[in-house]
Amino acid sequence: MFCLQNVYLAKTVPFLFGWLGDRLLGDPAGWPHPVIAFGKVIAYGEKRLNKGRNRALKGGLMAVVLIVAVYFACRVLLNWAFDISEYLYAIFTAIGVFYCLAGKTLIREVKAVFDAVERNTEEGRRQVSRIVGRDTSDLSAQEIRAAALETLAENLSDGVIAPMFWFILLGLPGMMAYKMVNTLDSMIGYKTERYMAFGKTAARIDDVANYIPARITAVLMLLVSGNLKKIRFVQQFGSAHSSPNSGYPESALAAILNCRFGGTHNYFGEAFIKPYIGTNERPFTTGDMTIAANVNNNTELAWGLIVCILSMIIH
């Protein structure tokens, strides 16, 4: 633990610089990114371990080893940096926070989807495939817009609120470990024939890691949009969702937009029927995207300020 006079340097100031860096720059094209490295390691392990017997055991061990390895590797690096200089420690922390957040990039990608689908449906399919895991080859313009909005809400939790939540609890090592958890789930956490056993543990760990952040996200979305009275809507549809977590931010956005999400999605050639969220089936417009982007932005601002305050208290 760092002494009180160093708390601003040790946690709050580096977090603030990293967070503001993401809000200003997003993920600049061509820059190296730790999540890309995480993905390559996961893909390598999956290719070699996801075969033969004991797939659940092998997948579970791989997931746990990778998560623990990232946490302790980050701790060792930060301890080394702090032994040299508090300022070097602060720089490394700020850079790590910057790479763990995806707020600006997420909004930018969703706006690009709406712009693309306005030009033609095929271009919209290609653009939305950049941010969703489902098969997009047969999506209609309405389904493309819905997929983008669902992803915007879900990844507000996964890409912004949850990383900050784990930063409060466990600092940058916890934040980095969470990114490994989330990357594992996004790559092998599907309930398909290929990943059902191998990715089961990774999916369960992700469920636990996102349980509180998903609900914080939903409440904050309603608060910043002046729709807190719709909390029962979120409780009703969020708890009925096939995912224990993603249904909550998606339900919050559905409540704010007075729309309906969900339905049948295809993943790796297999159809999955997801419960509908909301009852008002209506066309989505660019105006919906603008409202959703503003909600994301304001939710991130509110949570970021809360994290700054809490990081000065919890150190």
C-alpha atoms as a PDB file:
ATOM      1  CA  MET A   1       0.000   0.000   0.000  1.00  0.00           C
ATOM      2  CA  PHE A   2       1.174   3.505  -0.761  1.00  0.00           C
ATOM      3  CA  CYS A   3       1.342   6.171   1.932  1.00  0.00           C
ATOM      4  CA  LEU A   4      -1.306   8.873   1.971  1.00  0.00           C
ATOM      5  CA  GLN A   5       0.795  11.643   0.456  1.00  0.00           C
ATOM      6  CA  ASN A   6       1.396   9.454  -2.609  1.00  0.00           C
ATOM      7  CA  VAL A   7      -2.208   8.398  -3.202  1.00  0.00           C
ATOM      8  CA  TYR A   8      -2.850  10.972  -5.953  1.00  0.00           C
ATOM      9  CA  LEU A   9       0.293   9.941  -7.786  1.00  0.00           C
ATOM     10  CA  ALA A  10      -0.194   6.229  -7.159  1.00  0.00           C
ATOM     11  CA  LYS A  11      -3.785   5.857  -8.329  1.00  0.00           C
ATOM     12  CA  THR A  12      -6.044   8.843  -8.983  1.00  0.00           C
ATOM     13  CA  VAL A  13      -3.866  10.986 -11.253  1.00  0.00           C
ATOM     14  CA  PRO A  14      -2.664   8.100 -13.439  1.00  0.00           C
ATOM     15  CA  PHE A  15      -6.246   6.874 -13.770  1.00  0.00           C
ATOM     16  CA  LEU A  16      -7.418  10.338 -14.759  1.00  0.00           C
ATOM     17  CA  PHE A  17      -4.746  10.718 -17.430  1.00  0.00           C
ATOM     18  CA  GLY A  18      -5.397   7.244 -18.837  1.00  0.00           C
ATOM     19  CA  TRP A  19      -9.145   7.779 -18.884  1.00  0.00           C
ATOM     20  CA  LEU A  20      -8.876  11.198 -20.546  1.00  0.00           C
ATOM     21  CA  GLY A  21      -6.455   9.697 -23.053  1.00  0.00           C
ATOM     22  CA  ASP A  22      -9.070   7.162 -24.102  1.00  0.00           C
ATOM     23  CA  ARG A  23     -11.764   9.820 -24.312  1.00  0.00           C
ATOM     24  CA  LEU A  24      -9.562  11.938 -26.574  1.00  0.00           C
ATOM     25  CA  LEU A  25      -7.881   9.286 -28.731  1.00  0.00           C
ATOM     26  CA  GLY A  26      -9.817   6.042 -28.497  1.00  0.00           C
ATOM     27  CA  ASP A  27      -7.755   3.199 -29.952  1.00  0.00           C
ATOM     28  CA  PRO A  28      -5.571   4.794 -32.669  1.00  0.00           C
ATOM     29  CA  ALA A  29      -5.250   2.557 -35.726  1.00  0.00           C
ATOM     30  CA  GLY A  30      -1.923   0.787 -35.989  1.00  0.00           C
ATOM     31  CA  TRP A  31      -0.948   1.180 -32.333  1.00  0.00           C
ATOM     32  CA  PRO A  32       0.015  -2.020 -30.492  1.00  0.00           C
ATOM     33  CA  HIS A  33      -2.661  -3.196 -28.089  1.00  0.00           C
ATOM     34  CA  PRO A  34      -2.441  -5.708 -25.216  1.00  0.00           C
ATOM     35  CA  VAL A  35      -5.895  -7.132 -25.992  1.00  0.00           C
ATOM     36  CA  ILE A  36      -4.654  -8.133 -29.451  1.00  0.00           C
ATOM     37  CA  ALA A  37      -1.782  -9.980 -27.748  1.00  0.00           C
ATOM     38  CA  PHE A  38      -4.285 -11.592 -25.354  1.00  0.00           C
ATOM     39  CA  GLY A  39      -6.331 -12.751 -28.335  1.00  0.00           C
ATOM     40  CA  LYS A  40      -3.345 -14.317 -30.059  1.00  0.00           C
ATOM     41  CA  VAL A  41      -2.365 -16.230 -26.918  1.00  0.00           C
ATOM     42  CA  ILE A  42      -5.944 -17.470 -26.433  1.00  0.00           C
ATOM     43  CA  ALA A  43      -6.233 -18.519 -30.076  1.00  0.00           C
ATOM     44  CA  TYR A  44      -2.923 -20.399 -29.823  1.00  0.00           C
ATOM     45  CA  GLY A  45      -4.020 -22.229 -26.688  1.00  0.00           C
ATOM     46  CA  GLU A  46      -7.483 -23.021 -28.031  1.00  0.00           C
ATOM     47  CA  LYS A  47      -6.104 -24.482 -31.231  1.00  0.00           C
ATOM     48  CA  ARG A  48      -3.831 -26.863 -29.354  1.00  0.00           C
ATOM     49  CA  LEU A  49      -5.966 -27.750 -26.347  1.00  0.00           C
ATOM     50  CA  ASN A  50      -9.555 -27.791 -27.614  1.00  0.00           C
ATOM     51  CA  LYS A  51      -9.482 -31.366 -28.890  1.00  0.00           C
ATOM     52  CA  GLY A  52      -9.596 -34.883 -27.576  1.00  0.00           C
ATOM     53  CA  ARG A  53     -10.671 -35.657 -24.025  1.00  0.00           C
ATOM     54  CA  ASN A  54     -11.055 -33.433 -20.944  1.00  0.00           C
ATOM     55  CA  ARG A  55     -11.776 -30.288 -22.962  1.00  0.00           C
ATOM     56  CA  ALA A  56     -13.585 -28.621 -20.062  1.00  0.00           C
ATOM     57  CA  LEU A  57     -10.623 -29.222 -17.754  1.00  0.00           C
ATOM     58  CA  LYS A  58      -8.073 -28.034 -20.301  1.00  0.00           C
ATOM     59  CA  GLY A  59     -10.115 -24.937 -21.153  1.00  0.00           C
ATOM     60  CA  GLY A  60     -10.636 -24.116 -17.501  1.00  0.00           C
ATOM     61  CA  LEU A  61      -6.961 -24.469 -16.655  1.00  0.00           C
ATOM     62  CA  MET A  62      -5.986 -22.323 -19.628  1.00  0.00           C
ATOM     63  CA  ALA A  63      -8.407 -19.596 -18.585  1.00  0.00           C
ATOM     64  CA  VAL A  64      -7.286 -19.530 -14.947  1.00  0.00           C
ATOM     65  CA  VAL A  65      -3.582 -19.622 -15.819  1.00  0.00           C
ATOM     66  CA  LEU A  66      -3.895 -16.754 -18.295  1.00  0.00           C
ATOM     67  CA  ILE A  67      -5.925 -14.560 -15.933  1.00  0.00           C
ATOM     68  CA  VAL A  68      -3.576 -15.138 -12.977  1.00  0.00           C
ATOM     69  CA  ALA A  69      -0.509 -14.678 -15.187  1.00  0.00           C
ATOM     70  CA  VAL A  70      -1.720 -11.301 -16.454  1.00  0.00           C
ATOM     71  CA  TYR A  71      -2.522 -10.104 -12.931  1.00  0.00           C
ATOM     72  CA  PHE A  72       0.857 -11.001 -11.466  1.00  0.00           C
ATOM     73  CA  ALA A  73       2.850  -9.930 -14.523  1.00  0.00           C
ATOM     74  CA  CYS A  74       1.258  -6.491 -14.244  1.00  0.00           C
ATOM     75  CA  ARG A  75       1.987  -6.345 -10.506  1.00  0.00           C
ATOM     76  CA  VAL A  76       5.632  -7.260 -11.047  1.00  0.00           C
ATOM     77  CA  LEU A  77       5.994  -4.633 -13.762  1.00  0.00           C
ATOM     78  CA  LEU A  78       4.427  -1.910 -11.614  1.00  0.00           C
ATOM     79  CA  ASN A  79       6.514  -2.836  -8.563  1.00  0.00           C
ATOM     80  CA  TRP A  80       9.655  -2.651 -10.700  1.00  0.00           C
ATOM     81  CA  ALA A  81       8.587   0.740 -12.055  1.00  0.00           C
ATOM     82  CA  PHE A  82       7.794   2.072  -8.567  1.00  0.00           C
ATOM     83  CA  ASP A  83      11.201   0.981  -7.258  1.00  0.00           C
ATOM     84  CA  ILE A  84      12.763   3.151  -9.950  1.00  0.00           C
ATOM     85  CA  SER A  85      10.446   6.150  -9.723  1.00  0.00           C
ATOM     86  CA  GLU A  86       6.926   7.007  -8.609  1.00  0.00           C
ATOM     87  CA  TYR A  87       6.610   8.945 -11.847  1.00  0.00           C
ATOM     88  CA  LEU A  88       7.519   5.915 -13.955  1.00  0.00           C
ATOM     89  CA  TYR A  89       4.931   3.941 -11.993  1.00  0.00           C
ATOM     90  CA  ALA A  90       2.348   6.637 -12.714  1.00  0.00           C
ATOM     91  CA  ILE A  91       3.195   6.661 -16.434  1.00  0.00           C
ATOM     92  CA  PHE A  92       2.864   2.873 -16.711  1.00  0.00           C
ATOM     93  CA  THR A  93      -0.451   2.975 -14.840  1.00  0.00           C
ATOM     94  CA  ALA A  94      -1.850   5.708 -17.058  1.00  0.00           C
ATOM     95  CA  ILE A  95      -0.841   3.817 -20.210  1.00  0.00           C
ATOM     96  CA  GLY A  96      -2.436   0.637 -18.857  1.00  0.00           C
ATOM     97  CA  VAL A  97      -5.702   2.415 -18.036  1.00  0.00           C
ATOM     98  CA  PHE A  98      -5.719   3.964 -21.512  1.00  0.00           C
ATOM     99  CA  TYR A  99      -5.453   0.535 -23.144  1.00  0.00           C
ATOM    100  CA  CYS A 100      -8.091  -1.060 -20.884  1.00  0.00           C
ATOM    101  CA  LEU A 101     -10.873   1.372 -21.825  1.00  0.00           C
ATOM    102  CA  ALA A 102     -12.881   1.463 -25.043  1.00  0.00           C
ATOM    103  CA  GLY A 103     -15.474   4.197 -24.592  1.00  0.00           C
ATOM    104  CA  LYS A 104     -14.622   6.491 -27.494  1.00  0.00           C
ATOM    105  CA  THR A 105     -13.854   3.648 -29.905  1.00  0.00           C
ATOM    106  CA  LEU A 106     -17.154   1.933 -29.124  1.00  0.00           C
ATOM    107  CA  ILE A 107     -19.243   5.013 -29.897  1.00  0.00           C
ATOM    108  CA  ARG A 108     -17.201   5.718 -33.015  1.00  0.00           C
ATOM    109  CA  GLU A 109     -17.730   2.181 -34.326  1.00  0.00           C
ATOM    110  CA  VAL A 110     -21.490   2.265 -33.708  1.00  0.00           C
ATOM    111  CA  LYS A 111     -21.806   5.611 -35.481  1.00  0.00           C
ATOM    112  CA  ALA A 112     -19.875   4.105 -38.405  1.00  0.00           C
ATOM    113  CA  VAL A 113     -22.399   1.243 -38.569  1.00  0.00           C
ATOM    114  CA  PHE A 114     -25.336   3.650 -38.825  1.00  0.00           C
ATOM    115  CA  ASP A 115     -23.544   5.705 -41.468  1.00  0.00           C
ATOM    116  CA  ALA A 116     -22.690   2.563 -43.457  1.00  0.00           C
ATOM    117  CA  VAL A 117     -26.190   1.085 -43.412  1.00  0.00           C
ATOM    118  CA  GLU A 118     -27.565   4.408 -44.655  1.00  0.00           C
ATOM    119  CA  ARG A 119     -25.430   3.943 -47.774  1.00  0.00           C
ATOM    120  CA  ASN A 120     -26.382   0.308 -48.369  1.00  0.00           C
ATOM    121  CA  THR A 121     -27.227  -2.808 -46.384  1.00  0.00           C
ATOM    122  CA  GLU A 122     -24.189  -4.822 -47.444  1.00  0.00           C
ATOM    123  CA  GLU A 123     -21.826  -2.121 -46.257  1.00  0.00           C
ATOM    124  CA  GLY A 124     -23.713  -2.016 -42.980  1.00  0.00           C
ATOM    125  CA  ARG A 125     -23.261  -5.778 -42.577  1.00  0.00           C
ATOM    126  CA  ARG A 126     -19.531  -5.493 -43.093  1.00  0.00           C
ATOM    127  CA  GLN A 127     -19.245  -2.615 -40.638  1.00  0.00           C
ATOM    128  CA  VAL A 128     -21.309  -4.202 -37.872  1.00  0.00           C
ATOM    129  CA  SER A 129     -19.291  -7.444 -38.178  1.00  0.00           C
ATOM    130  CA  ARG A 130     -16.381  -5.470 -36.679  1.00  0.00           C
ATOM    131  CA  ILE A 131     -18.151  -5.141 -33.321  1.00  0.00           C
ATOM    132  CA  VAL A 132     -20.419  -8.189 -32.945  1.00  0.00           C
ATOM    133  CA  GLY A 133     -19.689 -11.897 -32.699  1.00  0.00           C
ATOM    134  CA  ARG A 134     -22.802 -13.062 -34.524  1.00  0.00           C
ATOM    135  CA  ASP A 135     -23.136 -13.927 -38.207  1.00  0.00           C
ATOM    136  CA  THR A 136     -24.061 -10.702 -40.037  1.00  0.00           C
ATOM    137  CA  SER A 137     -24.330 -11.994 -43.627  1.00  0.00           C
ATOM    138  CA  ASP A 138     -28.146 -12.093 -43.695  1.00  0.00           C
ATOM    139  CA  LEU A 139     -29.016  -9.195 -41.395  1.00  0.00           C
ATOM    140  CA  SER A 140     -31.570  -6.652 -42.552  1.00  0.00           C
ATOM    141  CA  ALA A 141     -30.996  -2.915 -42.106  1.00  0.00           C
ATOM    142  CA  GLN A 142     -33.224  -3.002 -39.015  1.00  0.00           C
ATOM    143  CA  GLU A 143     -31.301  -5.942 -37.551  1.00  0.00           C
ATOM    144  CA  ILE A 144     -27.964  -4.221 -38.248  1.00  0.00           C
ATOM    145  CA  ARG A 145     -29.038  -1.128 -36.336  1.00  0.00           C
ATOM    146  CA  ALA A 146     -30.424  -3.252 -33.500  1.00  0.00           C
ATOM    147  CA  ALA A 147     -27.175  -5.257 -33.271  1.00  0.00           C
ATOM    148  CA  ALA A 148     -25.145  -2.049 -33.088  1.00  0.00           C
ATOM    149  CA  LEU A 149     -27.321  -0.573 -30.338  1.00  0.00           C
ATOM    150  CA  GLU A 150     -27.304  -3.810 -28.311  1.00  0.00           C
ATOM    151  CA  THR A 151     -23.521  -3.921 -28.585  1.00  0.00           C
ATOM    152  CA  LEU A 152     -23.251  -0.266 -27.576  1.00  0.00           C
ATOM    153  CA  ALA A 153     -25.151  -0.981 -24.354  1.00  0.00           C
ATOM    154  CA  GLU A 154     -23.476  -4.305 -23.539  1.00  0.00           C
ATOM    155  CA  ASN A 155     -19.974  -3.024 -24.182  1.00  0.00           C
ATOM    156  CA  LEU A 156     -20.539   0.107 -22.132  1.00  0.00           C
ATOM    157  CA  SER A 157     -20.457  -2.366 -19.251  1.00  0.00           C
ATOM    158  CA  ASP A 158     -17.709  -4.648 -20.602  1.00  0.00           C
ATOM    159  CA  GLY A 159     -15.492  -1.969 -22.122  1.00  0.00           C
ATOM    160  CA  VAL A 160     -15.844   0.933 -19.678  1.00  0.00           C
ATOM    161  CA  ILE A 161     -17.723   0.405 -16.418  1.00  0.00           C
ATOM    162  CA  ALA A 162     -16.349  -3.048 -15.532  1.00  0.00           C
ATOM    163  CA  PRO A 163     -12.658  -2.227 -16.161  1.00  0.00           C
ATOM    164  CA  MET A 164     -13.015   0.878 -13.991  1.00  0.00           C
ATOM    165  CA  PHE A 165     -14.789  -1.173 -11.318  1.00  0.00           C
ATOM    166  CA  TRP A 166     -11.890  -3.627 -11.134  1.00  0.00           C
ATOM    167  CA  PHE A 167      -9.421  -0.739 -11.097  1.00  0.00           C
ATOM    168  CA  ILE A 168     -11.074   0.520  -7.917  1.00  0.00           C
ATOM    169  CA  LEU A 169     -10.798  -2.887  -6.255  1.00  0.00           C
ATOM    170  CA  LEU A 170      -7.462  -4.215  -7.512  1.00  0.00           C
ATOM    171  CA  GLY A 171      -5.720  -1.376  -9.316  1.00  0.00           C
ATOM    172  CA  LEU A 172      -4.248  -1.755 -12.792  1.00  0.00           C
ATOM    173  CA  PRO A 173      -3.414  -5.479 -12.293  1.00  0.00           C
ATOM    174  CA  GLY A 174      -7.095  -6.170 -11.617  1.00  0.00           C
ATOM    175  CA  MET A 175      -8.106  -4.057 -14.590  1.00  0.00           C
ATOM    176  CA  MET A 176      -5.725  -5.942 -16.890  1.00  0.00           C
ATOM    177  CA  ALA A 177      -6.820  -9.304 -15.521  1.00  0.00           C
ATOM    178  CA  TYR A 178     -10.419  -8.322 -16.207  1.00  0.00           C
ATOM    179  CA  LYS A 179      -9.525  -7.552 -19.829  1.00  0.00           C
ATOM    180  CA  MET A 180      -8.138 -11.074 -20.137  1.00  0.00           C
ATOM    181  CA  VAL A 181     -11.361 -12.449 -18.600  1.00  0.00           C
ATOM    182  CA  ASN A 182     -13.450 -10.497 -21.080  1.00  0.00           C
ATOM    183  CA  THR A 183     -11.273 -11.450 -24.048  1.00  0.00           C
ATOM    184  CA  LEU A 184     -11.482 -15.123 -23.119  1.00  0.00           C
ATOM    185  CA  ASP A 185     -15.263 -14.932 -22.957  1.00  0.00           C
ATOM    186  CA  SER A 186     -15.530 -13.090 -26.270  1.00  0.00           C
ATOM    187  CA  MET A 187     -13.423 -15.760 -27.995  1.00  0.00           C
ATOM    188  CA  ILE A 188     -14.324 -19.079 -26.365  1.00  0.00           C
ATOM    189  CA  GLY A 189     -17.339 -18.352 -24.151  1.00  0.00           C
ATOM    190  CA  TYR A 190     -19.983 -19.373 -26.682  1.00  0.00           C
ATOM    191  CA  LYS A 191     -22.510 -22.173 -26.162  1.00  0.00           C
ATOM    192  CA  THR A 192     -21.706 -23.769 -29.492  1.00  0.00           C
ATOM    193  CA  GLU A 193     -20.596 -27.343 -30.104  1.00  0.00           C
ATOM    194  CA  ARG A 194     -16.974 -26.233 -30.439  1.00  0.00           C
ATOM    195  CA  TYR A 195     -16.789 -24.084 -27.309  1.00  0.00           C
ATOM    196  CA  MET A 196     -19.471 -25.498 -25.000  1.00  0.00           C
ATOM    197  CA  ALA A 197     -17.042 -27.528 -22.874  1.00  0.00           C
ATOM    198  CA  PHE A 198     -13.750 -25.779 -23.533  1.00  0.00           C
ATOM    199  CA  GLY A 199     -15.035 -22.275 -22.816  1.00  0.00           C
ATOM    200  CA  LYS A 200     -17.393 -23.085 -19.946  1.00  0.00           C
ATOM    201  CA  THR A 201     -15.059 -21.930 -17.171  1.00  0.00           C
ATOM    202  CA  ALA A 202     -14.088 -18.763 -19.039  1.00  0.00           C
ATOM    203  CA  ALA A 203     -17.768 -17.897 -19.495  1.00  0.00           C
ATOM    204  CA  ARG A 204     -18.525 -18.492 -15.814  1.00  0.00           C
ATOM    205  CA  ILE A 205     -15.614 -16.337 -14.673  1.00  0.00           C
ATOM    206  CA  ASP A 206     -16.828 -13.578 -16.988  1.00  0.00           C
ATOM    207  CA  ASP A 207     -20.328 -13.880 -15.512  1.00  0.00           C
ATOM    208  CA  VAL A 208     -18.922 -13.348 -12.008  1.00  0.00           C
ATOM    209  CA  ALA A 209     -16.585 -10.516 -13.035  1.00  0.00           C
ATOM    210  CA  ASN A 210     -19.413  -8.600 -14.719  1.00  0.00           C
ATOM    211  CA  TYR A 211     -22.225  -9.279 -12.263  1.00  0.00           C
ATOM    212  CA  ILE A 212     -21.962  -6.033 -10.284  1.00  0.00           C
ATOM    213  CA  PRO A 213     -20.667  -3.793 -13.121  1.00  0.00           C
ATOM    214  CA  ALA A 214     -23.569  -4.749 -15.408  1.00  0.00           C
ATOM    215  CA  ARG A 215     -26.086  -3.651 -12.823  1.00  0.00           C
ATOM    216  CA  ILE A 216     -24.169  -0.469 -12.027  1.00  0.00           C
ATOM    217  CA  THR A 217     -24.195   0.286 -15.752  1.00  0.00           C
ATOM    218  CA  ALA A 218     -27.950  -0.141 -16.041  1.00  0.00           C
ATOM    219  CA  VAL A 219     -28.712   2.062 -13.034  1.00  0.00           C
ATOM    220  CA  LEU A 220     -26.349   4.811 -14.190  1.00  0.00           C
ATOM    221  CA  MET A 221     -27.829   4.733 -17.717  1.00  0.00           C
ATOM    222  CA  LEU A 222     -31.285   5.307 -16.276  1.00  0.00           C
ATOM    223  CA  LEU A 223     -30.019   8.013 -13.921  1.00  0.00           C
ATOM    224  CA  VAL A 224     -28.190  10.101 -16.536  1.00  0.00           C
ATOM    225  CA  SER A 225     -31.157   9.872 -18.928  1.00  0.00           C
ATOM    226  CA  GLY A 226     -33.751  10.771 -16.285  1.00  0.00           C
ATOM    227  CA  ASN A 227     -35.450   7.378 -16.527  1.00  0.00           C
ATOM    228  CA  LEU A 228     -34.809   5.886 -13.090  1.00  0.00           C
ATOM    229  CA  LYS A 229     -38.542   5.195 -12.742  1.00  0.00           C
ATOM    230  CA  LYS A 230     -38.083   2.493 -15.402  1.00  0.00           C
ATOM    231  CA  ILE A 231     -35.917   0.394 -13.088  1.00  0.00           C
ATOM    232  CA  ARG A 232     -38.656  -2.240 -12.855  1.00  0.00           C
ATOM    233  CA  PHE A 233     -38.552  -2.600 -16.643  1.00  0.00           C
ATOM    234  CA  VAL A 234     -34.839  -3.323 -16.386  1.00  0.00           C
ATOM    235  CA  GLN A 235     -35.350  -5.808 -13.554  1.00  0.00           C
ATOM    236  CA  GLN A 236     -38.066  -7.612 -15.505  1.00  0.00           C
ATOM    237  CA  PHE A 237     -36.285  -7.956 -18.837  1.00  0.00           C
ATOM    238  CA  GLY A 238     -32.718  -8.038 -17.562  1.00  0.00           C
ATOM    239  CA  SER A 239     -33.350 -11.014 -15.297  1.00  0.00           C
ATOM    240  CA  ALA A 240     -35.170 -12.889 -18.079  1.00  0.00           C
ATOM    241  CA  HIS A 241     -32.261 -12.575 -20.500  1.00  0.00           C
ATOM    242  CA  SER A 242     -30.206 -15.636 -21.434  1.00  0.00           C
ATOM    243  CA  SER A 243     -27.108 -13.872 -20.094  1.00  0.00           C
ATOM    244  CA  PRO A 244     -26.986 -13.089 -16.358  1.00  0.00           C
ATOM    245  CA  ASN A 245     -25.403  -9.709 -17.122  1.00  0.00           C
ATOM    246  CA  SER A 246     -25.730  -8.299 -20.645  1.00  0.00           C
ATOM    247  CA  GLY A 247     -29.514  -8.138 -20.370  1.00  0.00           C
ATOM    248  CA  TYR A 248     -29.297  -5.330 -17.818  1.00  0.00           C
ATOM    249  CA  PRO A 249     -27.580  -2.587 -19.862  1.00  0.00           C
ATOM    250  CA  GLU A 250     -29.508  -3.718 -22.956  1.00  0.00           C
ATOM    251  CA  SER A 251     -32.766  -3.478 -20.979  1.00  0.00           C
ATOM    252  CA  ALA A 252     -31.794  -0.021 -19.759  1.00  0.00           C
ATOM    253  CA  LEU A 253     -31.245   1.182 -23.321  1.00  0.00           C
ATOM    254  CA  ALA A 254     -34.474  -0.465 -24.492  1.00  0.00           C
ATOM    255  CA  ALA A 255     -36.310   1.371 -21.697  1.00  0.00           C
ATOM    256  CA  ILE A 256     -34.710   4.697 -22.643  1.00  0.00           C
ATOM    257  CA  LEU A 257     -35.448   4.273 -26.372  1.00  0.00           C
ATOM    258  CA  ASN A 258     -38.841   2.575 -25.845  1.00  0.00           C
ATOM    259  CA  CYS A 259     -37.888  -0.173 -28.285  1.00  0.00           C
ATOM    260  CA  ARG A 260     -37.399  -3.929 -28.504  1.00  0.00           C
ATOM    261  CA  PHE A 261     -34.127  -5.863 -28.677  1.00  0.00           C
ATOM    262  CA  GLY A 262     -33.408  -9.590 -28.826  1.00  0.00           C
ATOM    263  CA  GLY A 263     -34.604 -12.418 -31.041  1.00  0.00           C
ATOM    264  CA  THR A 264     -32.726 -15.077 -33.005  1.00  0.00           C
ATOM    265  CA  HIS A 265     -28.985 -14.600 -33.594  1.00  0.00           C
ATOM    266  CA  ASN A 266     -26.582 -16.878 -35.451  1.00  0.00           C
ATOM    267  CA  TYR A 267     -23.163 -17.693 -33.994  1.00  0.00           C
ATOM    268  CA  PHE A 268     -20.713 -19.882 -35.900  1.00  0.00           C
ATOM    269  CA  GLY A 269     -23.522 -21.410 -37.957  1.00  0.00           C
ATOM    270  CA  GLU A 270     -25.794 -22.158 -34.981  1.00  0.00           C
ATOM    271  CA  ALA A 271     -29.024 -20.279 -34.224  1.00  0.00           C
ATOM    272  CA  PHE A 272     -29.639 -18.978 -30.703  1.00  0.00           C
ATOM    273  CA  ILE A 273     -33.015 -17.595 -29.659  1.00  0.00           C
ATOM    274  CA  LYS A 274     -32.545 -14.767 -27.181  1.00  0.00           C
ATOM    275  CA  PRO A 275     -35.535 -13.465 -25.193  1.00  0.00           C
ATOM    276  CA  TYR A 276     -36.988 -10.202 -26.387  1.00  0.00           C
ATOM    277  CA  ILE A 277     -36.202  -7.117 -24.332  1.00  0.00           C
ATOM    278  CA  GLY A 278     -39.118  -4.693 -24.449  1.00  0.00           C
ATOM    279  CA  THR A 279     -42.373  -4.880 -26.373  1.00  0.00           C
ATOM    280  CA  ASN A 280     -42.332  -1.909 -28.751  1.00  0.00           C
ATOM    281  CA  GLU A 281     -41.093  -3.292 -32.069  1.00  0.00           C
ATOM    282  CA  ARG A 282     -40.346  -0.228 -34.188  1.00  0.00           C
ATOM    283  CA  PRO A 283     -37.784   0.888 -36.791  1.00  0.00           C
ATOM    284  CA  PHE A 284     -34.484   2.212 -35.476  1.00  0.00           C
ATOM    285  CA  THR A 285     -33.220   5.572 -36.683  1.00  0.00           C
ATOM    286  CA  THR A 286     -30.056   7.639 -36.545  1.00  0.00           C
ATOM    287  CA  GLY A 287     -31.771   9.604 -33.787  1.00  0.00           C
ATOM    288  CA  ASP A 288     -31.790   6.470 -31.631  1.00  0.00           C
ATOM    289  CA  MET A 289     -28.067   6.109 -32.145  1.00  0.00           C
ATOM    290  CA  THR A 290     -27.505   9.726 -31.141  1.00  0.00           C
ATOM    291  CA  ILE A 291     -29.523   9.286 -27.949  1.00  0.00           C
ATOM    292  CA  ALA A 292     -27.746   6.010 -27.128  1.00  0.00           C
ATOM    293  CA  ALA A 293     -24.304   7.541 -27.737  1.00  0.00           C
ATOM    294  CA  ASN A 294     -25.139  10.461 -25.438  1.00  0.00           C
ATOM    295  CA  VAL A 295     -26.326   8.043 -22.742  1.00  0.00           C
ATOM    296  CA  ASN A 296     -23.074   6.072 -23.055  1.00  0.00           C
ATOM    297  CA  ASN A 297     -21.002   9.228 -22.895  1.00  0.00           C
ATOM    298  CA  ASN A 298     -22.818  10.630 -19.858  1.00  0.00           C
ATOM    299  CA  THR A 299     -22.777   7.275 -18.069  1.00  0.00           C
ATOM    300  CA  GLU A 300     -19.029   7.023 -18.577  1.00  0.00           C
ATOM    301  CA  LEU A 301     -18.519  10.573 -17.315  1.00  0.00           C
ATOM    302  CA  ALA A 302     -20.561   9.906 -14.186  1.00  0.00           C
ATOM    303  CA  TRP A 303     -18.786   6.637 -13.401  1.00  0.00           C
ATOM    304  CA  GLY A 304     -15.357   8.049 -14.185  1.00  0.00           C
ATOM    305  CA  LEU A 305     -15.863  10.838 -11.659  1.00  0.00           C
ATOM    306  CA  ILE A 306     -17.065   8.316  -9.085  1.00  0.00           C
ATOM    307  CA  VAL A 307     -13.959   6.206  -9.708  1.00  0.00           C
ATOM    308  CA  CYS A 308     -11.711   9.251  -9.237  1.00  0.00           C
ATOM    309  CA  ILE A 309     -13.309   9.940  -5.880  1.00  0.00           C
ATOM    310  CA  LEU A 310     -13.230   6.301  -4.751  1.00  0.00           C
ATOM    311  CA  SER A 311      -9.604   5.862  -5.827  1.00  0.00           C
ATOM    312  CA  MET A 312      -8.654   8.646  -3.411  1.00  0.00           C
ATOM    313  CA  ILE A 313     -10.465   6.838  -0.606  1.00  0.00           C
ATOM    314  CA  ILE A 314      -9.484   3.241  -1.414  1.00  0.00           C
ATOM    315  CA  HIS A 315      -5.721   3.078  -1.782  1.00  0.00           C
END
